[in-house]
Amino acid sequence: MKRFLVLSLAAALALSGCNAAASQTGAAVSAVTSGVSEPAVVGTVLDCTGTENVTISKAGTYTLTGDLQGRVVVDAGKNDKVELILQNLTVTAADGPALWVRQADKVTITLAEGTASTLTDGSVYTDQTDEEPNAALFCDADLTIQGTGALTVTGNFDHAIRCKDDLVVDGGVLTLSAVGKGLKAKKTLTVNGGDITILHSEEGIEANTILLAGGTLDVTASDDGINASSPDNWDGDAPSLTVSGGTVLVDAQGDGLDSNGALTVSGGVLLIAGPTGSGDGALDAEQTPVITGGIVMAAGSQGMAVNFGGSSTQASWLAATGAQAAGTSLTLVDDTGAVLAHWTPGKSYQCVTLSTPAMAQGGSYTLLTGAAVDGADEHGFADSGTAAGGETAAETTLESLNQSDVQGMGGGMRGGMMPGADGERPEKVFGENGGRGGKMDMTPPDDMAGATPPDRKNEMGEFGSIEENT
């Protein structure tokens, strides 16, 4: 039989910098298995208010609250599993990450129901090795975020949340702002649920393997919105981006969805407001994008526009719309006038890639701009109803399963490669290895004058905090 030791608060939790909540001061709070790294259930809410860093060095479940001017550090055994229940916790770090997982096997962050917690890092870090840590929430272990509460993370130095292993979001209301990436994982990043809003970022989401299966994801980025790419010195699987469920909204000045490998859509709703400059596309992938289900409306400039193809089993249409101003709705209707997809991009566009399960090869479709549709959801999206008003931007009968009616390097006309929007094939800038190491050197067409891509570093400025630059 395992021996259990009832310990005092400091010893039982191997925790410094926290006090038991006033309502439970002095209580016996934990039973820890002697000599074995197994979770120890903590029965007390720990008030971390103060200026002393909080360090957790043993496996267990810890409920944290209070206002900490410092940081929470998890530095447990390499096989330890740690759960942090955040309950109206505010952590503000002046010179590093607000929550730093130095070592553990797996960390779970549970956002307590009805609570709101905040993690904010400093704009200057004083303790780095090989440029790490570099995120307000920096985790050198597998990380899962769950629960129904709210969490706001502000990355003033670089990233908001960075995980050096696998990152899973199962729930919670996350609001992220970052100078760099909003969510970044080295290996696999999975979103199964929750409501994630990335207000500011250079790139919204980045990982080698990205799996979007549920929840709502709303990304704003000055470069790529969602990017599947391998880290340096990577010898694992090729990058891939898979969307199988949920609602994904992207507003990106770079590529909307970008995969340096495979891009597959099998479900969900994707509403992409892509670039206004012609050097990027609403969709971009090293391999031909594949769609087998779901609804996609991906609008942007046409210079690098691409369509689905390859082993796709669902119909799609890459349609030219002409130059449309920001806030001009897009509505796809069939030959009976029934609405198949409706949405209003928040920025100017020239073309759109469309796909819904209701589309089929041989079917006839009309694309309207400026139409109104009753019953749109909170994102302005509808997949049924009747369109009122608007103008016809394009109409077609799909001659192929995945038809392209756009002249551009990415999409081509009826699937073929064609010159860019100005009628000339743009010069491609390659990396040193001759691969896809650069962006297209193209000037936006006259009808999109003024829509120059922003400085890639960040719209908020190269240095300084988000608060200072907003």
Protein backbone atom coordinates (compact mmCIF):
# COMPACT_ATOMS: atom_id res chain seq x y z
CA MET A 1 0.00 0.00 0.00
CA LYS A 2 1.26 3.45 -0.86
CA ARG A 3 2.15 5.71 2.03
CA PHE A 4 0.54 9.10 2.11
CA LEU A 5 1.93 12.10 3.92
CA VAL A 6 -0.31 14.97 4.91
CA LEU A 7 1.90 17.97 4.47
CA SER A 8 1.73 21.65 5.13
CA LEU A 9 0.80 23.90 2.22
CA ALA A 10 4.36 24.87 1.31
CA ALA A 11 5.77 21.37 1.46
CA ALA A 12 2.81 19.49 0.01
CA LEU A 13 2.65 21.60 -3.11
CA ALA A 14 6.37 22.30 -3.37
CA LEU A 15 5.08 25.78 -4.02
CA SER A 16 6.61 29.13 -3.21
CA GLY A 17 5.01 32.54 -3.44
CA CYS A 18 1.35 31.57 -2.84
CA ASN A 19 -0.84 31.60 0.23
CA ALA A 20 -4.01 29.69 0.91
CA ALA A 21 -7.11 31.74 0.22
CA ALA A 22 -8.30 33.62 3.26
CA SER A 23 -11.37 31.47 3.62
CA GLN A 24 -9.25 28.35 3.96
CA THR A 25 -6.11 29.61 5.70
CA GLY A 26 -4.39 26.97 7.77
CA ALA A 27 -6.30 24.00 6.35
CA ALA A 28 -4.65 20.68 5.59
CA VAL A 29 -4.76 20.82 1.82
CA SER A 30 -3.15 17.85 0.17
CA ALA A 31 -2.12 14.23 0.21
CA VAL A 32 1.02 13.47 -1.80
CA THR A 33 2.13 9.98 -2.69
CA SER A 34 5.53 9.54 -1.10
CA GLY A 35 8.29 8.96 -3.63
CA VAL A 36 5.93 8.66 -6.62
CA SER A 37 5.14 11.36 -9.19
CA GLU A 38 1.37 11.06 -9.30
CA PRO A 39 -1.14 13.91 -9.34
CA ALA A 40 -1.97 15.18 -5.87
CA VAL A 41 -5.39 16.75 -5.56
CA VAL A 42 -5.22 20.15 -3.95
CA GLY A 43 -8.25 21.20 -1.98
CA THR A 44 -7.45 24.90 -1.58
CA VAL A 45 -7.58 27.94 -3.82
CA LEU A 46 -4.13 29.49 -3.68
CA ASP A 47 -3.94 33.27 -3.60
CA CYS A 48 -0.84 34.34 -5.52
CA THR A 49 -1.24 38.06 -4.90
CA GLY A 50 2.14 39.73 -4.42
CA THR A 51 5.47 40.27 -6.14
CA GLU A 52 7.20 36.96 -5.41
CA ASN A 53 7.45 34.43 -8.27
CA VAL A 54 5.37 31.29 -7.81
CA THR A 55 7.24 28.01 -8.44
CA ILE A 56 5.58 24.60 -8.70
CA SER A 57 8.00 21.69 -8.54
CA LYS A 58 5.81 18.60 -8.06
CA ALA A 59 3.04 16.85 -9.94
CA GLY A 60 -0.41 17.89 -8.87
CA THR A 61 -3.50 19.97 -9.45
CA TYR A 62 -3.20 23.60 -8.39
CA THR A 63 -5.94 26.25 -8.35
CA LEU A 64 -4.42 29.71 -8.70
CA THR A 65 -6.05 33.11 -8.15
CA GLY A 66 -4.99 36.62 -7.27
CA ASP A 67 -2.93 39.43 -8.80
CA LEU A 68 0.73 38.48 -9.23
CA GLN A 69 3.38 40.99 -10.29
CA GLY A 70 5.89 38.34 -11.23
CA ARG A 71 5.56 34.96 -12.91
CA VAL A 72 4.32 31.42 -12.39
CA VAL A 73 7.02 28.82 -13.04
CA VAL A 74 6.44 25.08 -13.42
CA ASP A 75 9.71 23.26 -12.86
CA ALA A 76 8.63 19.71 -12.03
CA GLY A 77 10.05 16.27 -12.79
CA LYS A 78 10.34 15.25 -16.42
CA ASN A 79 7.62 12.62 -15.92
CA ASP A 80 5.33 14.83 -13.83
CA LYS A 81 1.84 15.86 -14.89
CA VAL A 82 0.67 19.23 -13.65
CA GLU A 83 -2.78 20.80 -13.87
CA LEU A 84 -3.21 24.52 -13.29
CA ILE A 85 -6.76 25.68 -12.67
CA LEU A 86 -6.88 29.40 -13.36
CA GLN A 87 -9.56 31.19 -11.37
CA ASN A 88 -9.49 34.95 -11.89
CA LEU A 89 -5.70 34.93 -11.95
CA THR A 90 -3.81 37.97 -13.23
CA VAL A 91 -0.08 37.62 -13.85
CA THR A 92 2.01 40.54 -15.10
CA ALA A 93 5.70 39.91 -15.67
CA ALA A 94 8.04 42.86 -16.19
CA ASP A 95 11.02 41.07 -17.73
CA GLY A 96 9.99 37.65 -19.04
CA PRO A 97 7.10 35.21 -19.50
CA ALA A 98 4.08 35.38 -17.24
CA LEU A 99 3.76 31.58 -17.16
CA TRP A 100 6.92 29.57 -17.82
CA VAL A 101 6.86 25.78 -17.92
CA ARG A 102 10.54 24.89 -17.63
CA GLN A 103 9.99 21.14 -17.20
CA ALA A 104 7.15 18.63 -16.89
CA ASP A 105 5.76 15.74 -18.91
CA LYS A 106 2.41 17.37 -19.55
CA VAL A 107 0.71 20.53 -18.36
CA THR A 108 -3.05 21.10 -18.45
CA ILE A 109 -4.47 24.57 -18.01
CA THR A 110 -8.13 24.51 -16.96
CA LEU A 111 -10.06 27.76 -17.19
CA ALA A 112 -12.59 27.69 -14.37
CA GLU A 113 -16.22 28.33 -15.30
CA GLY A 114 -17.34 31.92 -14.93
CA THR A 115 -13.82 33.29 -14.41
CA ALA A 116 -11.45 35.45 -16.43
CA SER A 117 -7.67 35.24 -16.16
CA THR A 118 -4.88 37.29 -17.75
CA LEU A 119 -1.25 36.62 -18.62
CA THR A 120 0.96 39.51 -19.77
CA ASP A 121 4.70 39.44 -20.36
CA GLY A 122 7.27 42.22 -20.49
CA SER A 123 8.55 43.85 -23.66
CA VAL A 124 12.14 43.03 -22.62
CA TYR A 125 13.39 39.63 -21.40
CA THR A 126 16.39 39.44 -19.08
CA ASP A 127 16.70 35.64 -18.79
CA GLN A 128 17.10 33.91 -22.16
CA THR A 129 19.17 31.03 -23.50
CA ASP A 130 19.28 30.53 -27.28
CA GLU A 131 16.48 33.10 -27.61
CA GLU A 132 14.19 31.22 -25.21
CA PRO A 133 11.78 31.71 -23.55
CA ASN A 134 10.01 34.09 -25.92
CA ALA A 135 6.28 33.96 -25.15
CA ALA A 136 3.93 35.22 -22.46
CA LEU A 137 2.94 31.57 -21.94
CA PHE A 138 6.02 29.49 -22.75
CA CYS A 139 5.78 25.72 -22.31
CA ASP A 140 8.59 23.17 -22.71
CA ALA A 141 6.16 20.22 -22.41
CA ASP A 142 2.92 18.97 -23.93
CA LEU A 143 0.22 21.55 -23.23
CA THR A 144 -3.59 21.26 -23.14
CA ILE A 145 -5.94 24.18 -22.59
CA GLN A 146 -9.49 23.34 -21.52
CA GLY A 147 -12.48 24.56 -19.55
CA THR A 148 -15.17 27.20 -20.10
CA GLY A 149 -13.58 30.26 -18.52
CA ALA A 150 -11.75 33.08 -20.25
CA LEU A 151 -8.02 33.68 -20.70
CA THR A 152 -6.38 36.76 -22.20
CA VAL A 153 -2.72 36.42 -23.18
CA THR A 154 -0.64 39.37 -24.37
CA GLY A 155 2.80 38.75 -25.88
CA ASN A 156 4.59 42.10 -25.76
CA PHE A 157 8.02 40.57 -26.41
CA ASP A 158 7.23 38.04 -29.16
CA HIS A 159 4.61 35.25 -29.07
CA ALA A 160 1.46 34.97 -26.96
CA ILE A 161 1.48 31.16 -26.45
CA ARG A 162 4.37 28.95 -27.53
CA CYS A 163 4.63 25.20 -26.91
CA LYS A 164 7.79 23.26 -27.74
CA ASP A 165 5.88 19.98 -27.98
CA ASP A 166 2.21 19.28 -28.80
CA LEU A 167 -0.45 21.90 -28.09
CA VAL A 168 -4.16 21.06 -27.78
CA VAL A 169 -7.02 23.51 -27.25
CA ASP A 170 -10.16 21.71 -26.08
CA GLY A 171 -12.10 24.64 -24.66
CA GLY A 172 -12.07 28.08 -23.13
CA VAL A 173 -12.48 31.61 -24.43
CA LEU A 174 -9.00 32.71 -25.49
CA THR A 175 -8.13 36.26 -26.52
CA LEU A 176 -4.57 36.59 -27.77
CA SER A 177 -2.39 39.49 -28.91
CA ALA A 178 1.24 39.16 -29.95
CA VAL A 179 4.14 40.89 -31.63
CA GLY A 180 4.97 37.49 -33.17
CA LYS A 181 2.75 34.41 -33.31
CA GLY A 182 -0.56 34.08 -31.48
CA LEU A 183 -0.35 30.29 -31.09
CA LYS A 184 2.87 28.45 -31.92
CA ALA A 185 3.75 24.78 -31.44
CA LYS A 186 6.81 22.86 -32.55
CA LYS A 187 5.04 19.61 -33.36
CA THR A 188 1.25 19.32 -33.58
CA LEU A 189 -1.29 22.03 -32.80
CA THR A 190 -4.86 20.77 -32.44
CA VAL A 191 -8.00 22.82 -31.90
CA ASN A 192 -10.96 20.67 -30.85
CA GLY A 193 -13.10 23.34 -29.24
CA GLY A 194 -13.19 26.69 -27.57
CA ASP A 195 -13.47 30.23 -28.86
CA ILE A 196 -10.09 31.66 -29.92
CA THR A 197 -9.63 35.24 -31.05
CA ILE A 198 -6.21 36.46 -32.15
CA LEU A 199 -6.55 40.23 -32.20
CA HIS A 200 -3.02 41.12 -33.29
CA SER A 201 -0.19 38.96 -34.60
CA GLU A 202 2.50 38.74 -37.21
CA GLU A 203 1.31 35.18 -37.91
CA GLY A 204 -1.78 33.87 -36.18
CA ILE A 205 -1.00 30.16 -35.84
CA GLU A 206 2.11 28.19 -36.68
CA ALA A 207 3.07 24.54 -36.20
CA ASN A 208 4.42 21.66 -38.26
CA THR A 209 1.08 19.85 -38.14
CA ILE A 210 -2.13 21.82 -37.66
CA LEU A 211 -5.45 20.06 -37.02
CA LEU A 212 -8.56 22.24 -36.80
CA ALA A 213 -11.47 20.05 -35.76
CA GLY A 214 -13.88 22.25 -33.79
CA GLY A 215 -14.54 25.48 -31.99
CA THR A 216 -14.32 28.98 -33.41
CA LEU A 217 -11.05 30.52 -34.53
CA ASP A 218 -10.84 34.20 -35.52
CA VAL A 219 -7.36 35.29 -36.64
CA THR A 220 -5.97 38.69 -37.61
CA ALA A 221 -2.39 38.68 -38.91
CA SER A 222 -0.06 41.12 -40.65
CA ASP A 223 1.58 38.16 -42.43
CA ASP A 224 0.21 34.60 -42.80
CA GLY A 225 -2.96 33.75 -40.92
CA ILE A 226 -2.44 30.01 -40.35
CA ASN A 227 0.90 28.53 -41.35
CA ALA A 228 1.96 24.86 -41.36
CA SER A 229 5.75 24.86 -41.56
CA SER A 230 8.60 22.82 -40.13
CA PRO A 231 10.89 24.25 -37.46
CA ASP A 232 14.62 24.52 -38.05
CA ASN A 233 16.56 21.22 -38.10
CA TRP A 234 13.29 19.26 -38.29
CA ASP A 235 13.48 15.55 -39.18
CA GLY A 236 9.84 14.62 -38.56
CA ASP A 237 6.73 14.49 -40.74
CA ALA A 238 6.21 16.94 -43.57
CA PRO A 239 4.08 19.99 -42.72
CA SER A 240 0.31 19.66 -43.08
CA LEU A 241 -2.81 21.72 -42.41
CA THR A 242 -6.10 19.86 -42.00
CA VAL A 243 -9.50 21.43 -41.35
CA SER A 244 -12.24 18.95 -40.42
CA GLY A 245 -14.65 21.07 -38.38
CA GLY A 246 -15.35 24.29 -36.56
CA THR A 247 -15.54 27.84 -37.86
CA VAL A 248 -12.33 29.48 -39.07
CA LEU A 249 -12.16 33.20 -39.86
CA VAL A 250 -8.91 34.70 -41.10
CA ASP A 251 -7.94 38.28 -41.94
CA ALA A 252 -4.37 38.12 -43.22
CA GLN A 253 -2.15 40.43 -45.24
CA GLY A 254 0.02 37.46 -46.15
CA ASP A 255 -1.36 34.06 -47.11
CA GLY A 256 -4.66 33.26 -45.43
CA LEU A 257 -4.04 29.53 -45.08
CA ASP A 258 -0.48 28.48 -45.87
CA SER A 259 0.99 24.98 -45.81
CA ASN A 260 4.51 24.06 -46.80
CA GLY A 261 3.10 20.61 -47.44
CA ALA A 262 -0.49 19.36 -47.65
CA LEU A 263 -3.65 21.44 -47.22
CA THR A 264 -6.84 19.41 -46.74
CA VAL A 265 -10.39 20.54 -45.94
CA SER A 266 -12.98 17.90 -45.03
CA GLY A 267 -15.42 19.91 -42.91
CA GLY A 268 -16.13 23.12 -41.08
CA VAL A 269 -16.67 26.65 -42.36
CA LEU A 270 -13.68 28.67 -43.63
CA LEU A 271 -14.08 32.40 -44.24
CA ILE A 272 -10.78 33.84 -45.45
CA ALA A 273 -10.12 37.54 -46.10
CA GLY A 274 -6.78 37.16 -47.80
CA PRO A 275 -4.16 39.61 -49.01
CA THR A 276 -4.80 42.80 -50.93
CA GLY A 277 -1.31 42.64 -52.43
CA SER A 278 -0.61 40.25 -55.30
CA GLY A 279 2.39 38.48 -53.78
CA ASP A 280 0.29 36.19 -51.55
CA GLY A 281 -2.96 34.26 -51.76
CA ALA A 282 -5.99 33.49 -49.65
CA LEU A 283 -4.93 29.83 -50.00
CA ASP A 284 -1.36 28.64 -50.49
CA ALA A 285 0.15 25.17 -50.32
CA GLU A 286 3.21 23.30 -51.55
CA GLN A 287 0.89 20.51 -52.71
CA THR A 288 -2.40 21.01 -54.55
CA PRO A 289 -5.07 21.79 -51.93
CA VAL A 290 -7.70 19.07 -51.48
CA ILE A 291 -11.34 19.46 -50.42
CA THR A 292 -13.73 16.64 -49.57
CA GLY A 293 -16.24 18.53 -47.40
CA GLY A 294 -16.99 21.77 -45.61
CA ILE A 295 -17.71 25.30 -46.85
CA VAL A 296 -14.97 27.62 -48.08
CA MET A 297 -15.13 31.28 -49.07
CA ALA A 298 -11.55 32.51 -49.58
CA ALA A 299 -11.35 36.03 -51.01
CA GLY A 300 -8.30 38.08 -51.91
CA SER A 301 -6.10 39.40 -54.69
CA GLN A 302 -5.81 37.27 -57.81
CA GLY A 303 -2.08 37.36 -58.47
CA MET A 304 -1.39 34.17 -56.46
CA ALA A 305 -4.93 32.80 -56.16
CA VAL A 306 -5.27 29.01 -56.12
CA ASN A 307 -8.13 26.54 -56.28
CA PHE A 308 -8.60 23.06 -54.90
CA GLY A 309 -7.82 20.08 -57.11
CA GLY A 310 -5.84 16.87 -56.96
CA SER A 311 -7.77 14.16 -55.14
CA SER A 312 -10.65 16.50 -54.22
CA THR A 313 -14.12 14.97 -54.23
CA GLN A 314 -16.10 18.18 -53.64
CA ALA A 315 -16.67 20.81 -56.32
CA SER A 316 -15.06 24.23 -56.13
CA TRP A 317 -14.93 27.40 -58.20
CA LEU A 318 -12.22 30.06 -58.30
CA ALA A 319 -14.10 33.07 -59.63
CA ALA A 320 -13.02 36.57 -60.60
CA THR A 321 -15.13 39.29 -59.01
CA GLY A 322 -13.49 42.43 -60.31
CA ALA A 323 -12.12 44.92 -57.81
CA GLN A 324 -14.47 45.02 -54.81
CA ALA A 325 -14.27 47.38 -51.86
CA ALA A 326 -13.99 46.23 -48.27
CA GLY A 327 -17.40 45.43 -46.82
CA THR A 328 -18.86 44.21 -50.11
CA SER A 329 -20.76 40.96 -49.55
CA LEU A 330 -20.26 37.78 -51.58
CA THR A 331 -23.24 35.52 -52.26
CA LEU A 332 -23.20 32.23 -54.17
CA VAL A 333 -26.56 31.07 -55.50
CA ASP A 334 -27.59 28.10 -57.59
CA ASP A 335 -29.77 28.14 -60.73
CA THR A 336 -32.94 28.33 -58.60
CA GLY A 337 -31.70 31.39 -56.73
CA ALA A 338 -31.15 29.50 -53.48
CA VAL A 339 -28.27 30.81 -51.38
CA LEU A 340 -25.43 28.30 -50.97
CA ALA A 341 -22.95 30.59 -49.21
CA HIS A 342 -22.96 34.24 -48.14
CA TRP A 343 -20.34 36.33 -46.32
CA THR A 344 -18.93 39.85 -46.20
CA PRO A 345 -15.10 40.16 -46.29
CA GLY A 346 -13.78 43.08 -44.27
CA LYS A 347 -11.23 44.10 -46.88
CA SER A 348 -10.98 44.63 -50.63
CA TYR A 349 -10.70 41.64 -52.99
CA GLN A 350 -10.55 40.62 -56.66
CA CYS A 351 -11.47 36.95 -56.62
CA VAL A 352 -12.79 34.19 -54.40
CA THR A 353 -12.40 30.43 -54.08
CA LEU A 354 -15.79 28.87 -53.33
CA SER A 355 -16.75 25.36 -52.30
CA THR A 356 -19.82 23.89 -50.59
CA PRO A 357 -21.29 20.37 -50.42
CA ALA A 358 -24.22 21.68 -52.50
CA MET A 359 -22.01 22.36 -55.52
CA ALA A 360 -21.52 19.71 -58.22
CA GLN A 361 -19.80 19.36 -61.55
CA GLY A 362 -22.25 20.38 -64.28
CA GLY A 363 -24.19 22.67 -61.95
CA SER A 364 -24.85 26.32 -62.78
CA TYR A 365 -23.99 29.04 -60.26
CA THR A 366 -24.04 32.81 -59.97
CA LEU A 367 -21.83 34.94 -57.75
CA LEU A 368 -23.39 38.16 -56.49
CA THR A 369 -21.66 41.09 -54.85
CA GLY A 370 -23.43 43.52 -52.54
CA ALA A 371 -26.49 41.33 -51.94
CA ALA A 372 -28.26 41.02 -48.59
CA VAL A 373 -29.32 37.70 -47.03
CA ASP A 374 -31.55 37.41 -43.98
CA GLY A 375 -30.56 35.05 -41.20
CA ALA A 376 -26.78 35.46 -41.34
CA ASP A 377 -24.97 34.41 -38.16
CA GLU A 378 -22.79 36.55 -35.88
CA HIS A 379 -19.96 36.28 -38.41
CA GLY A 380 -22.14 37.49 -41.26
CA PHE A 381 -22.25 33.99 -42.77
CA ALA A 382 -25.27 32.14 -44.18
CA ASP A 383 -25.60 28.92 -46.19
CA SER A 384 -29.30 29.20 -46.97
CA GLY A 385 -31.98 31.77 -47.64
CA THR A 386 -32.78 34.20 -50.44
CA ALA A 387 -30.56 36.98 -51.75
CA ALA A 388 -31.93 40.49 -52.18
CA GLY A 389 -30.29 43.06 -54.41
CA GLY A 390 -26.66 42.92 -55.44
CA GLU A 391 -24.94 42.69 -58.79
CA THR A 392 -23.80 39.68 -60.79
CA ALA A 393 -20.01 39.44 -60.59
CA ALA A 394 -19.64 36.05 -62.29
CA GLU A 395 -21.68 33.07 -63.43
CA THR A 396 -20.69 29.65 -64.67
CA THR A 397 -21.60 26.07 -65.32
CA LEU A 398 -18.89 23.95 -63.77
CA GLU A 399 -17.20 22.09 -66.61
CA SER A 400 -14.80 20.44 -64.17
CA LEU A 401 -15.00 19.46 -60.52
CA ASN A 402 -12.54 22.16 -59.51
CA GLN A 403 -12.86 25.01 -61.98
CA SER A 404 -10.66 28.11 -62.12
CA ASP A 405 -11.81 31.22 -63.99
CA VAL A 406 -9.05 33.51 -62.77
CA GLN A 407 -5.93 34.62 -64.57
CA GLY A 408 -3.14 34.35 -62.04
CA MET A 409 0.03 32.49 -61.20
CA GLY A 410 -1.73 30.35 -58.63
CA GLY A 411 -5.14 29.63 -60.11
CA GLY A 412 -4.80 29.77 -63.85
CA MET A 413 -7.70 29.80 -66.30
CA ARG A 414 -9.74 26.61 -66.12
CA GLY A 415 -6.96 25.14 -64.04
CA GLY A 416 -4.03 26.25 -66.20
CA MET A 417 -1.16 28.61 -65.42
CA MET A 418 -1.74 32.10 -66.73
CA PRO A 419 -0.03 35.51 -66.44
CA GLY A 420 -0.54 37.72 -63.43
CA ALA A 421 -3.20 40.38 -62.95
CA ASP A 422 -1.24 42.90 -65.07
CA GLY A 423 -0.96 40.48 -67.99
CA GLU A 424 2.72 39.73 -67.38
CA ARG A 425 4.10 36.68 -65.64
CA PRO A 426 5.79 38.02 -62.49
CA GLU A 427 9.34 37.20 -61.60
CA LYS A 428 9.59 34.77 -58.72
CA VAL A 429 12.14 35.39 -56.01
CA PHE A 430 13.71 32.14 -54.87
CA GLY A 431 15.62 31.30 -51.73
CA GLU A 432 19.26 30.31 -51.75
CA ASN A 433 18.37 26.66 -52.22
CA GLY A 434 16.26 27.41 -55.28
CA GLY A 435 13.03 26.46 -53.47
CA ARG A 436 10.02 28.49 -52.42
CA GLY A 437 12.18 30.71 -50.30
CA GLY A 438 10.66 34.03 -51.29
CA LYS A 439 7.49 35.87 -52.07
CA MET A 440 6.37 37.02 -55.48
CA ASP A 441 7.71 40.44 -56.43
CA MET A 442 4.52 41.96 -57.73
CA THR A 443 2.91 45.37 -57.55
CA PRO A 444 -0.81 45.50 -56.74
CA PRO A 445 -2.93 46.24 -59.81
CA ASP A 446 -4.23 49.74 -60.40
CA ASP A 447 -7.71 48.88 -59.19
CA MET A 448 -6.30 48.00 -55.79
CA ALA A 449 -3.99 50.99 -55.42
CA GLY A 450 -3.14 51.82 -51.84
CA ALA A 451 -3.43 48.21 -50.68
CA THR A 452 0.30 47.72 -50.24
CA PRO A 453 1.24 44.81 -47.97
CA PRO A 454 2.33 46.03 -44.51
CA ASP A 455 5.76 45.81 -42.98
CA ARG A 456 6.19 42.09 -42.32
CA LYS A 457 7.59 42.64 -38.85
CA ASN A 458 4.34 43.79 -37.32
CA GLU A 459 1.67 46.39 -37.64
CA MET A 460 2.20 47.27 -33.99
CA GLY A 461 5.82 48.29 -34.46
CA GLU A 462 9.08 46.43 -34.26
CA PHE A 463 9.59 47.13 -30.60
CA GLY A 464 7.54 48.06 -27.59
CA SER A 465 4.41 46.63 -26.06
CA ILE A 466 1.03 46.20 -27.67
CA GLU A 467 -0.47 48.61 -25.17
CA GLU A 468 2.10 51.23 -26.16
CA ASN A 469 1.49 50.80 -29.87
CA THR A 470 -2.25 50.37 -30.06
